[in-house]
Amino acid sequence: MLCGRQFQLNERIKDMRLLTYIRKRISQHMNPEGFQQILPNHWQPGMENTHVVAVDAVVYEVDVKSPNS
């Protein structure tokens, strides 16, 4: 659902500028610093080993190239 309209699974948004407009509007009203303070406090009860820093392997796979390139 987007802007109150339900799309079918095979239906696409034809005007890609619409998505850009929506992203811009959301970014104008977002407060990322606020999220950084609120979310950890919300998730804290369900988290274990908060003293450990872990990084997803996807971060390192960005520069991996296939043998054929």
C-alpha atoms as a PDB file:
ATOM      1  CA  MET A   1       0.000   0.000   0.000  1.00  0.00           C
ATOM      2  CA  LEU A   2       1.309   3.429  -0.893  1.00  0.00           C
ATOM      3  CA  CYS A   3      -0.527   6.668  -0.145  1.00  0.00           C
ATOM      4  CA  GLY A   4      -3.722   4.762   0.566  1.00  0.00           C
ATOM      5  CA  ARG A   5      -3.629   2.764  -2.673  1.00  0.00           C
ATOM      6  CA  GLN A   6      -3.252  -0.996  -2.654  1.00  0.00           C
ATOM      7  CA  PHE A   7      -1.105  -2.256  -5.539  1.00  0.00           C
ATOM      8  CA  GLN A   8      -1.350  -5.717  -7.044  1.00  0.00           C
ATOM      9  CA  LEU A   9       1.728  -7.968  -6.730  1.00  0.00           C
ATOM     10  CA  ASN A  10       2.611  -7.585 -10.424  1.00  0.00           C
ATOM     11  CA  GLU A  11       1.711  -3.879 -10.635  1.00  0.00           C
ATOM     12  CA  ARG A  12       4.495  -1.290 -10.745  1.00  0.00           C
ATOM     13  CA  ILE A  13       4.604   2.407  -9.969  1.00  0.00           C
ATOM     14  CA  LYS A  14       5.127   4.057 -13.348  1.00  0.00           C
ATOM     15  CA  ASP A  15       6.252   7.493 -12.162  1.00  0.00           C
ATOM     16  CA  MET A  16       9.502   6.937 -10.276  1.00  0.00           C
ATOM     17  CA  ARG A  17       9.580  10.636  -9.367  1.00  0.00           C
ATOM     18  CA  LEU A  18       6.766   9.850  -6.933  1.00  0.00           C
ATOM     19  CA  LEU A  19       9.051   7.650  -4.842  1.00  0.00           C
ATOM     20  CA  THR A  20      11.772  10.307  -4.883  1.00  0.00           C
ATOM     21  CA  TYR A  21       9.253  12.906  -3.733  1.00  0.00           C
ATOM     22  CA  ILE A  22       8.080  10.668  -0.885  1.00  0.00           C
ATOM     23  CA  ARG A  23      11.665   9.953   0.231  1.00  0.00           C
ATOM     24  CA  LYS A  24      12.457  13.678   0.258  1.00  0.00           C
ATOM     25  CA  ARG A  25       9.346  14.507   2.278  1.00  0.00           C
ATOM     26  CA  ILE A  26      10.108  11.816   4.835  1.00  0.00           C
ATOM     27  CA  SER A  27      13.743  12.923   5.127  1.00  0.00           C
ATOM     28  CA  GLN A  28      12.659  16.498   5.845  1.00  0.00           C
ATOM     29  CA  HIS A  29      10.751  15.331   8.923  1.00  0.00           C
ATOM     30  CA  MET A  30      13.087  12.606  10.164  1.00  0.00           C
ATOM     31  CA  ASN A  31      15.329  12.946  13.156  1.00  0.00           C
ATOM     32  CA  PRO A  32      17.985  10.207  12.867  1.00  0.00           C
ATOM     33  CA  GLU A  33      19.672  11.296  16.089  1.00  0.00           C
ATOM     34  CA  GLY A  34      16.382  10.793  17.901  1.00  0.00           C
ATOM     35  CA  PHE A  35      16.113   7.257  16.525  1.00  0.00           C
ATOM     36  CA  GLN A  36      19.625   6.537  17.726  1.00  0.00           C
ATOM     37  CA  GLN A  37      18.536   7.362  21.262  1.00  0.00           C
ATOM     38  CA  ILE A  38      15.035   5.850  21.291  1.00  0.00           C
ATOM     39  CA  LEU A  39      15.499   2.511  19.517  1.00  0.00           C
ATOM     40  CA  PRO A  40      18.287   1.064  21.684  1.00  0.00           C
ATOM     41  CA  ASN A  41      16.270   1.850  24.801  1.00  0.00           C
ATOM     42  CA  HIS A  42      13.268   0.078  23.274  1.00  0.00           C
ATOM     43  CA  TRP A  43      15.303  -2.977  22.201  1.00  0.00           C
ATOM     44  CA  GLN A  44      17.484  -3.191  25.319  1.00  0.00           C
ATOM     45  CA  PRO A  45      15.260  -5.661  27.241  1.00  0.00           C
ATOM     46  CA  GLY A  46      15.527  -8.233  24.439  1.00  0.00           C
ATOM     47  CA  MET A  47      19.238  -7.817  23.791  1.00  0.00           C
ATOM     48  CA  GLU A  48      22.015  -9.974  25.162  1.00  0.00           C
ATOM     49  CA  ASN A  49      25.784  -9.378  25.165  1.00  0.00           C
ATOM     50  CA  THR A  50      25.446  -5.638  24.588  1.00  0.00           C
ATOM     51  CA  HIS A  51      29.136  -5.231  25.442  1.00  0.00           C
ATOM     52  CA  VAL A  52      30.081  -7.121  22.227  1.00  0.00           C
ATOM     53  CA  VAL A  53      30.429  -5.351  18.887  1.00  0.00           C
ATOM     54  CA  ALA A  54      29.554  -7.497  15.857  1.00  0.00           C
ATOM     55  CA  VAL A  55      29.639  -6.623  12.178  1.00  0.00           C
ATOM     56  CA  ASP A  56      27.644  -8.381   9.490  1.00  0.00           C
ATOM     57  CA  ALA A  57      29.804 -10.083   6.846  1.00  0.00           C
ATOM     58  CA  VAL A  58      27.889  -8.283   4.099  1.00  0.00           C
ATOM     59  CA  VAL A  59      29.983  -5.223   4.859  1.00  0.00           C
ATOM     60  CA  TYR A  60      33.091  -7.089   3.727  1.00  0.00           C
ATOM     61  CA  GLU A  61      31.513  -8.749   0.686  1.00  0.00           C
ATOM     62  CA  VAL A  62      30.987  -5.468  -1.142  1.00  0.00           C
ATOM     63  CA  ASP A  63      34.444  -5.566  -2.753  1.00  0.00           C
ATOM     64  CA  VAL A  64      34.425  -9.263  -3.595  1.00  0.00           C
ATOM     65  CA  LYS A  65      34.635  -9.749  -7.349  1.00  0.00           C
ATOM     66  CA  SER A  66      33.713 -12.834  -9.315  1.00  0.00           C
ATOM     67  CA  PRO A  67      36.576 -14.816 -10.873  1.00  0.00           C
ATOM     68  CA  ASN A  68      35.182 -14.081 -14.349  1.00  0.00           C
ATOM     69  CA  SER A  69      35.542 -10.292 -14.133  1.00  0.00           C
END
